[in-house]
Amino acid sequence: MRITCLGSGSAGNCYLLHNETECLVIEAGIPFKEVKKALDFNIRKIVGIVVSHEHGDHAKYLHEYIKVGIPVMAPSMGHITGALTAISKPFAVRSFPLVHDVPCTGFLIEHSEVGRLLFVTDTEYVRYRFKNLNHIMVECNYSNELLQAYHESLQGRIKLTHMELSTCKDFIQANKGHELKTVCLLHLSGRTSDEVVFKKEVKELIECPVYVADKGLEYEL
């Protein structure tokens, strides 16, 4: 099983959790045709899609999945196809609330090939702790130092709706364990983040590989 990043940031978010026979799509912020291309047009392997919230960079193309009958789990938007705790037999998916300016959810995804994968984006912080995580995908949107260049009114919204570097590090520190195999940093801001610095500082906390979700990133779980 591997992760493929088709987009991460304000231009559009979409990640594929997939192997040769099945795929769970995470976020619908890029055109469905790009997902089809990434899967060599084998959309039959898509078992479902999970979407965190209604903002266009995460949900703009959700209607394309609904139109073709792909199971949807987007509880913050009122879209749930099938049981809340499972999209299909191989995947078990549970949602939990995050802290954003619209209803937003994170997802705990379990699969026999992956173990326990946590997906968190577009939130000021996470109020929960999780045990026995094998993989963490978490927003690391900005640093307070780089944010200082923004107008004060814009700083306020960003601080209340997105995860800062130190908060991200605290979250990883609180949820890491010997089972942790990968960490992927999501949704870095183009103007208020530093990919090299962020990756270096997170890497100092853990022994497993650290990835930054740039478009085209692919790694094995």
C-alpha atoms as a PDB file:
ATOM      1  CA  MET A   1       0.000   0.000   0.000  1.00  0.00           C
ATOM      2  CA  ARG A   2       1.291   3.460  -0.811  1.00  0.00           C
ATOM      3  CA  ILE A   3       0.369   7.130  -0.662  1.00  0.00           C
ATOM      4  CA  THR A   4       0.295   9.296  -3.770  1.00  0.00           C
ATOM      5  CA  CYS A   5      -0.104  13.053  -3.396  1.00  0.00           C
ATOM      6  CA  LEU A   6      -1.932  14.739  -6.272  1.00  0.00           C
ATOM      7  CA  GLY A   7      -2.101  18.105  -4.521  1.00  0.00           C
ATOM      8  CA  SER A   8      -1.618  19.619  -1.069  1.00  0.00           C
ATOM      9  CA  GLY A   9      -2.367  23.266  -0.410  1.00  0.00           C
ATOM     10  CA  SER A  10      -4.700  26.071  -1.367  1.00  0.00           C
ATOM     11  CA  ALA A  11      -4.590  25.103  -5.056  1.00  0.00           C
ATOM     12  CA  GLY A  12      -6.250  21.760  -4.279  1.00  0.00           C
ATOM     13  CA  ASN A  13      -5.850  18.743  -2.017  1.00  0.00           C
ATOM     14  CA  CYS A  14      -6.061  15.070  -2.950  1.00  0.00           C
ATOM     15  CA  TYR A  15      -4.249  11.957  -1.764  1.00  0.00           C
ATOM     16  CA  LEU A  16      -4.567   8.335  -2.845  1.00  0.00           C
ATOM     17  CA  LEU A  17      -4.139   5.441  -0.422  1.00  0.00           C
ATOM     18  CA  HIS A  18      -3.855   2.516  -2.806  1.00  0.00           C
ATOM     19  CA  ASN A  19      -2.411  -0.804  -3.886  1.00  0.00           C
ATOM     20  CA  GLU A  20      -2.891  -2.799  -7.079  1.00  0.00           C
ATOM     21  CA  THR A  21      -6.536  -3.633  -6.422  1.00  0.00           C
ATOM     22  CA  GLU A  22      -8.074  -0.929  -4.219  1.00  0.00           C
ATOM     23  CA  CYS A  23      -7.870   2.781  -3.556  1.00  0.00           C
ATOM     24  CA  LEU A  24      -9.260   5.119  -0.939  1.00  0.00           C
ATOM     25  CA  VAL A  25      -9.305   8.741  -2.146  1.00  0.00           C
ATOM     26  CA  ILE A  26      -8.699  11.375   0.528  1.00  0.00           C
ATOM     27  CA  GLU A  27     -10.042  14.853  -0.348  1.00  0.00           C
ATOM     28  CA  ALA A  28     -11.659  15.999  -3.585  1.00  0.00           C
ATOM     29  CA  GLY A  29      -9.885  19.262  -4.277  1.00  0.00           C
ATOM     30  CA  ILE A  30      -8.578  18.424  -7.746  1.00  0.00           C
ATOM     31  CA  PRO A  31     -10.491  17.298 -10.861  1.00  0.00           C
ATOM     32  CA  PHE A  32     -11.583  13.660 -10.907  1.00  0.00           C
ATOM     33  CA  LYS A  33      -9.862  13.254 -14.270  1.00  0.00           C
ATOM     34  CA  GLU A  34      -6.493  13.722 -12.539  1.00  0.00           C
ATOM     35  CA  VAL A  35      -7.338  10.893 -10.152  1.00  0.00           C
ATOM     36  CA  LYS A  36      -8.304   8.715 -13.101  1.00  0.00           C
ATOM     37  CA  LYS A  37      -4.947   9.386 -14.766  1.00  0.00           C
ATOM     38  CA  ALA A  38      -3.056   8.529 -11.590  1.00  0.00           C
ATOM     39  CA  LEU A  39      -4.914   5.202 -11.415  1.00  0.00           C
ATOM     40  CA  ASP A  40      -4.410   4.438 -15.126  1.00  0.00           C
ATOM     41  CA  PHE A  41      -8.168   4.999 -15.512  1.00  0.00           C
ATOM     42  CA  ASN A  42      -8.969   1.950 -13.381  1.00  0.00           C
ATOM     43  CA  ILE A  43     -11.597   3.689 -11.254  1.00  0.00           C
ATOM     44  CA  ARG A  44     -13.140   0.338 -10.310  1.00  0.00           C
ATOM     45  CA  LYS A  45     -10.430   0.051  -7.662  1.00  0.00           C
ATOM     46  CA  ILE A  46     -11.774   3.149  -5.854  1.00  0.00           C
ATOM     47  CA  VAL A  47     -13.597   1.857  -2.780  1.00  0.00           C
ATOM     48  CA  GLY A  48     -14.624   5.314  -1.585  1.00  0.00           C
ATOM     49  CA  ILE A  49     -13.634   8.883  -0.855  1.00  0.00           C
ATOM     50  CA  VAL A  50     -13.316  10.746   2.448  1.00  0.00           C
ATOM     51  CA  VAL A  51     -13.522  14.551   2.554  1.00  0.00           C
ATOM     52  CA  SER A  52     -12.663  16.707   5.560  1.00  0.00           C
ATOM     53  CA  HIS A  53     -14.779  19.809   4.894  1.00  0.00           C
ATOM     54  CA  GLU A  54     -16.613  21.971   2.381  1.00  0.00           C
ATOM     55  CA  HIS A  55     -13.907  24.430   1.277  1.00  0.00           C
ATOM     56  CA  GLY A  56     -13.197  24.220  -2.426  1.00  0.00           C
ATOM     57  CA  ASP A  57      -9.558  23.206  -2.142  1.00  0.00           C
ATOM     58  CA  HIS A  58     -10.791  20.046  -0.392  1.00  0.00           C
ATOM     59  CA  ALA A  59     -14.281  19.393  -1.785  1.00  0.00           C
ATOM     60  CA  LYS A  60     -14.736  21.224  -5.103  1.00  0.00           C
ATOM     61  CA  TYR A  61     -14.992  18.031  -7.159  1.00  0.00           C
ATOM     62  CA  LEU A  62     -16.876  15.814  -4.719  1.00  0.00           C
ATOM     63  CA  HIS A  63     -19.968  15.935  -6.933  1.00  0.00           C
ATOM     64  CA  GLU A  64     -18.025  14.063  -9.637  1.00  0.00           C
ATOM     65  CA  TYR A  65     -17.591  11.103  -7.282  1.00  0.00           C
ATOM     66  CA  ILE A  66     -21.202  11.209  -6.166  1.00  0.00           C
ATOM     67  CA  LYS A  67     -22.336  11.306  -9.796  1.00  0.00           C
ATOM     68  CA  VAL A  68     -20.629   8.005 -10.644  1.00  0.00           C
ATOM     69  CA  GLY A  69     -21.765   6.278  -7.460  1.00  0.00           C
ATOM     70  CA  ILE A  70     -18.505   6.137  -5.513  1.00  0.00           C
ATOM     71  CA  PRO A  71     -19.156   5.778  -1.756  1.00  0.00           C
ATOM     72  CA  VAL A  72     -18.614   9.030   0.105  1.00  0.00           C
ATOM     73  CA  MET A  73     -17.740   9.805   3.708  1.00  0.00           C
ATOM     74  CA  ALA A  74     -17.906  13.544   4.338  1.00  0.00           C
ATOM     75  CA  PRO A  75     -19.712  13.844   7.687  1.00  0.00           C
ATOM     76  CA  SER A  76     -18.980  17.548   8.079  1.00  0.00           C
ATOM     77  CA  MET A  77     -20.931  18.142   4.849  1.00  0.00           C
ATOM     78  CA  GLY A  78     -23.760  15.712   5.549  1.00  0.00           C
ATOM     79  CA  HIS A  79     -22.616  13.200   2.931  1.00  0.00           C
ATOM     80  CA  ILE A  80     -22.335   9.620   4.147  1.00  0.00           C
ATOM     81  CA  THR A  81     -22.827   6.601   1.923  1.00  0.00           C
ATOM     82  CA  GLY A  82     -23.010   3.383   3.910  1.00  0.00           C
ATOM     83  CA  ALA A  83     -21.971   2.915   7.515  1.00  0.00           C
ATOM     84  CA  LEU A  84     -20.102   5.745   9.196  1.00  0.00           C
ATOM     85  CA  THR A  85     -17.411   3.414  10.511  1.00  0.00           C
ATOM     86  CA  ALA A  86     -16.597   1.628   7.263  1.00  0.00           C
ATOM     87  CA  ILE A  87     -16.609   2.477   3.574  1.00  0.00           C
ATOM     88  CA  SER A  88     -15.871  -1.029   2.391  1.00  0.00           C
ATOM     89  CA  LYS A  89     -14.774  -4.291   3.910  1.00  0.00           C
ATOM     90  CA  PRO A  90     -10.994  -3.752   3.645  1.00  0.00           C
ATOM     91  CA  PHE A  91     -11.053  -0.209   5.073  1.00  0.00           C
ATOM     92  CA  ALA A  92     -12.404   0.925   8.424  1.00  0.00           C
ATOM     93  CA  VAL A  93     -12.733   4.701   8.720  1.00  0.00           C
ATOM     94  CA  ARG A  94     -13.661   6.726  11.780  1.00  0.00           C
ATOM     95  CA  SER A  95     -14.061  10.497  11.845  1.00  0.00           C
ATOM     96  CA  PHE A  96     -13.510  13.020  14.617  1.00  0.00           C
ATOM     97  CA  PRO A  97     -14.069  16.807  14.813  1.00  0.00           C
ATOM     98  CA  LEU A  98     -11.339  19.349  14.141  1.00  0.00           C
ATOM     99  CA  VAL A  99     -11.086  23.105  14.784  1.00  0.00           C
ATOM    100  CA  HIS A 100     -11.669  25.192  11.640  1.00  0.00           C
ATOM    101  CA  ASP A 101     -13.962  28.036  10.550  1.00  0.00           C
ATOM    102  CA  VAL A 102     -16.455  25.540   9.100  1.00  0.00           C
ATOM    103  CA  PRO A 103     -17.284  22.015  10.327  1.00  0.00           C
ATOM    104  CA  CYS A 104     -14.258  19.847   9.611  1.00  0.00           C
ATOM    105  CA  THR A 105     -13.246  16.273  10.419  1.00  0.00           C
ATOM    106  CA  GLY A 106     -10.109  14.204  10.626  1.00  0.00           C
ATOM    107  CA  PHE A 107     -10.006  10.503   9.852  1.00  0.00           C
ATOM    108  CA  LEU A 108      -8.531   7.423  11.486  1.00  0.00           C
ATOM    109  CA  ILE A 109      -8.140   4.863   8.706  1.00  0.00           C
ATOM    110  CA  GLU A 110      -7.399   1.201   9.333  1.00  0.00           C
ATOM    111  CA  HIS A 111      -6.443  -1.463   6.802  1.00  0.00           C
ATOM    112  CA  SER A 112      -4.701  -4.806   7.145  1.00  0.00           C
ATOM    113  CA  GLU A 113      -1.809  -3.667   4.897  1.00  0.00           C
ATOM    114  CA  VAL A 114      -1.398  -0.289   6.561  1.00  0.00           C
ATOM    115  CA  GLY A 115      -2.363  -0.612  10.199  1.00  0.00           C
ATOM    116  CA  ARG A 116      -3.616   2.680  11.665  1.00  0.00           C
ATOM    117  CA  LEU A 117      -3.243   5.840   9.583  1.00  0.00           C
ATOM    118  CA  LEU A 118      -4.275   9.235  10.934  1.00  0.00           C
ATOM    119  CA  PHE A 119      -5.239  12.056   8.549  1.00  0.00           C
ATOM    120  CA  VAL A 120      -5.558  15.604   9.907  1.00  0.00           C
ATOM    121  CA  THR A 121      -5.763  18.858   7.950  1.00  0.00           C
ATOM    122  CA  ASP A 122      -7.173  22.390   8.283  1.00  0.00           C
ATOM    123  CA  THR A 123      -7.347  22.644  12.034  1.00  0.00           C
ATOM    124  CA  GLU A 124      -5.882  24.892  14.703  1.00  0.00           C
ATOM    125  CA  TYR A 125      -5.147  21.876  16.898  1.00  0.00           C
ATOM    126  CA  VAL A 126      -6.330  18.331  17.684  1.00  0.00           C
ATOM    127  CA  ARG A 127      -7.900  17.751  21.084  1.00  0.00           C
ATOM    128  CA  TYR A 128      -7.471  13.961  20.997  1.00  0.00           C
ATOM    129  CA  ARG A 129      -4.633  11.497  21.432  1.00  0.00           C
ATOM    130  CA  PHE A 130      -4.374   8.270  19.475  1.00  0.00           C
ATOM    131  CA  LYS A 131      -2.677   5.010  20.377  1.00  0.00           C
ATOM    132  CA  ASN A 132      -0.653   2.643  18.219  1.00  0.00           C
ATOM    133  CA  LEU A 133      -0.472   4.849  15.133  1.00  0.00           C
ATOM    134  CA  ASN A 134       1.543   3.455  12.235  1.00  0.00           C
ATOM    135  CA  HIS A 135       1.304   6.477   9.941  1.00  0.00           C
ATOM    136  CA  ILE A 136       0.521  10.149  10.527  1.00  0.00           C
ATOM    137  CA  MET A 137      -0.532  12.617   7.829  1.00  0.00           C
ATOM    138  CA  VAL A 138      -0.878  16.005   9.533  1.00  0.00           C
ATOM    139  CA  GLU A 139      -1.115  19.643   8.537  1.00  0.00           C
ATOM    140  CA  CYS A 140       1.929  21.840   9.145  1.00  0.00           C
ATOM    141  CA  ASN A 141       0.678  25.013   7.508  1.00  0.00           C
ATOM    142  CA  TYR A 142       2.843  27.858   8.788  1.00  0.00           C
ATOM    143  CA  SER A 143       5.315  29.097  11.377  1.00  0.00           C
ATOM    144  CA  ASN A 144       4.646  32.078  13.623  1.00  0.00           C
ATOM    145  CA  GLU A 145       7.940  33.612  12.548  1.00  0.00           C
ATOM    146  CA  LEU A 146       7.043  33.615   8.838  1.00  0.00           C
ATOM    147  CA  LEU A 147       3.454  34.646   9.535  1.00  0.00           C
ATOM    148  CA  GLN A 148       4.587  37.988  10.950  1.00  0.00           C
ATOM    149  CA  ALA A 149       4.837  39.398   7.416  1.00  0.00           C
ATOM    150  CA  TYR A 150       1.058  39.042   6.998  1.00  0.00           C
ATOM    151  CA  HIS A 151      -1.426  41.804   7.775  1.00  0.00           C
ATOM    152  CA  GLU A 152      -2.681  41.426  11.327  1.00  0.00           C
ATOM    153  CA  SER A 153      -6.276  40.720  10.213  1.00  0.00           C
ATOM    154  CA  LEU A 154      -5.118  37.810   8.056  1.00  0.00           C
ATOM    155  CA  GLN A 155      -2.897  36.477  10.827  1.00  0.00           C
ATOM    156  CA  GLY A 156      -5.918  36.055  13.077  1.00  0.00           C
ATOM    157  CA  ARG A 157      -7.825  33.812  10.688  1.00  0.00           C
ATOM    158  CA  ILE A 158      -4.803  31.675   9.880  1.00  0.00           C
ATOM    159  CA  LYS A 159      -3.973  31.156  13.568  1.00  0.00           C
ATOM    160  CA  LEU A 160      -7.550  30.069  14.337  1.00  0.00           C
ATOM    161  CA  THR A 161      -7.986  27.704  11.391  1.00  0.00           C
ATOM    162  CA  HIS A 162      -4.641  26.102  10.529  1.00  0.00           C
ATOM    163  CA  MET A 163      -1.909  24.235  12.379  1.00  0.00           C
ATOM    164  CA  GLU A 164       1.327  26.015  13.214  1.00  0.00           C
ATOM    165  CA  LEU A 165       4.708  24.258  13.199  1.00  0.00           C
ATOM    166  CA  SER A 166       5.091  24.090  16.985  1.00  0.00           C
ATOM    167  CA  THR A 167       1.538  22.775  17.392  1.00  0.00           C
ATOM    168  CA  CYS A 168       2.208  20.143  14.746  1.00  0.00           C
ATOM    169  CA  LYS A 169       5.394  19.085  16.534  1.00  0.00           C
ATOM    170  CA  ASP A 170       3.574  18.876  19.867  1.00  0.00           C
ATOM    171  CA  PHE A 171       0.878  16.730  18.272  1.00  0.00           C
ATOM    172  CA  ILE A 172       3.416  14.321  16.769  1.00  0.00           C
ATOM    173  CA  GLN A 173       5.325  14.156  20.048  1.00  0.00           C
ATOM    174  CA  ALA A 174       2.124  13.318  21.943  1.00  0.00           C
ATOM    175  CA  ASN A 175       1.031  10.613  19.504  1.00  0.00           C
ATOM    176  CA  LYS A 176       4.267   8.941  18.460  1.00  0.00           C
ATOM    177  CA  GLY A 177       5.100   5.407  19.507  1.00  0.00           C
ATOM    178  CA  HIS A 178       7.439   2.611  18.532  1.00  0.00           C
ATOM    179  CA  GLU A 179       4.860   1.511  15.920  1.00  0.00           C
ATOM    180  CA  LEU A 180       5.155   4.782  13.969  1.00  0.00           C
ATOM    181  CA  LYS A 181       6.562   4.151  10.486  1.00  0.00           C
ATOM    182  CA  THR A 182       5.961   7.363   8.501  1.00  0.00           C
ATOM    183  CA  VAL A 183       4.990  10.998   9.014  1.00  0.00           C
ATOM    184  CA  CYS A 184       3.805  13.216   6.174  1.00  0.00           C
ATOM    185  CA  LEU A 185       3.417  16.997   6.557  1.00  0.00           C
ATOM    186  CA  LEU A 186       0.401  18.392   4.713  1.00  0.00           C
ATOM    187  CA  HIS A 187      -0.946  21.684   3.419  1.00  0.00           C
ATOM    188  CA  LEU A 188       2.192  23.822   3.781  1.00  0.00           C
ATOM    189  CA  SER A 189       1.499  27.456   2.933  1.00  0.00           C
ATOM    190  CA  GLY A 190       3.399  28.806  -0.031  1.00  0.00           C
ATOM    191  CA  ARG A 191       4.331  32.024   1.782  1.00  0.00           C
ATOM    192  CA  THR A 192       4.425  31.184   5.477  1.00  0.00           C
ATOM    193  CA  SER A 193       6.216  27.842   5.529  1.00  0.00           C
ATOM    194  CA  ASP A 194       9.702  26.521   4.904  1.00  0.00           C
ATOM    195  CA  GLU A 195       9.681  22.917   3.728  1.00  0.00           C
ATOM    196  CA  VAL A 196      13.330  22.258   4.547  1.00  0.00           C
ATOM    197  CA  VAL A 197      13.115  23.697   8.061  1.00  0.00           C
ATOM    198  CA  PHE A 198       9.775  22.066   8.861  1.00  0.00           C
ATOM    199  CA  LYS A 199      10.966  18.649   7.764  1.00  0.00           C
ATOM    200  CA  LYS A 200      14.237  19.008   9.689  1.00  0.00           C
ATOM    201  CA  GLU A 201      12.519  20.027  12.938  1.00  0.00           C
ATOM    202  CA  VAL A 202       9.961  17.215  12.773  1.00  0.00           C
ATOM    203  CA  LYS A 203      12.660  14.697  11.897  1.00  0.00           C
ATOM    204  CA  GLU A 204      14.443  15.606  15.140  1.00  0.00           C
ATOM    205  CA  LEU A 205      11.434  14.253  17.066  1.00  0.00           C
ATOM    206  CA  ILE A 206      11.136  10.822  15.483  1.00  0.00           C
ATOM    207  CA  GLU A 207      13.206   8.043  13.958  1.00  0.00           C
ATOM    208  CA  CYS A 208      10.930   7.164  11.035  1.00  0.00           C
ATOM    209  CA  PRO A 209      10.917   8.833   7.580  1.00  0.00           C
ATOM    210  CA  VAL A 210       9.349  12.294   7.273  1.00  0.00           C
ATOM    211  CA  TYR A 211       7.754  13.392   3.999  1.00  0.00           C
ATOM    212  CA  VAL A 212       6.360  16.698   2.774  1.00  0.00           C
ATOM    213  CA  ALA A 213       3.248  16.393   0.625  1.00  0.00           C
ATOM    214  CA  ASP A 214       4.344  18.082  -2.555  1.00  0.00           C
ATOM    215  CA  LYS A 215       2.427  17.279  -5.726  1.00  0.00           C
ATOM    216  CA  GLY A 216       3.786  14.037  -7.172  1.00  0.00           C
ATOM    217  CA  LEU A 217       5.050  12.631  -3.874  1.00  0.00           C
ATOM    218  CA  GLU A 218       4.654   8.870  -3.612  1.00  0.00           C
ATOM    219  CA  TYR A 219       5.879   6.625  -0.825  1.00  0.00           C
ATOM    220  CA  GLU A 220       5.304   3.131   0.498  1.00  0.00           C
ATOM    221  CA  LEU A 221       3.573   2.521   3.801  1.00  0.00           C
END
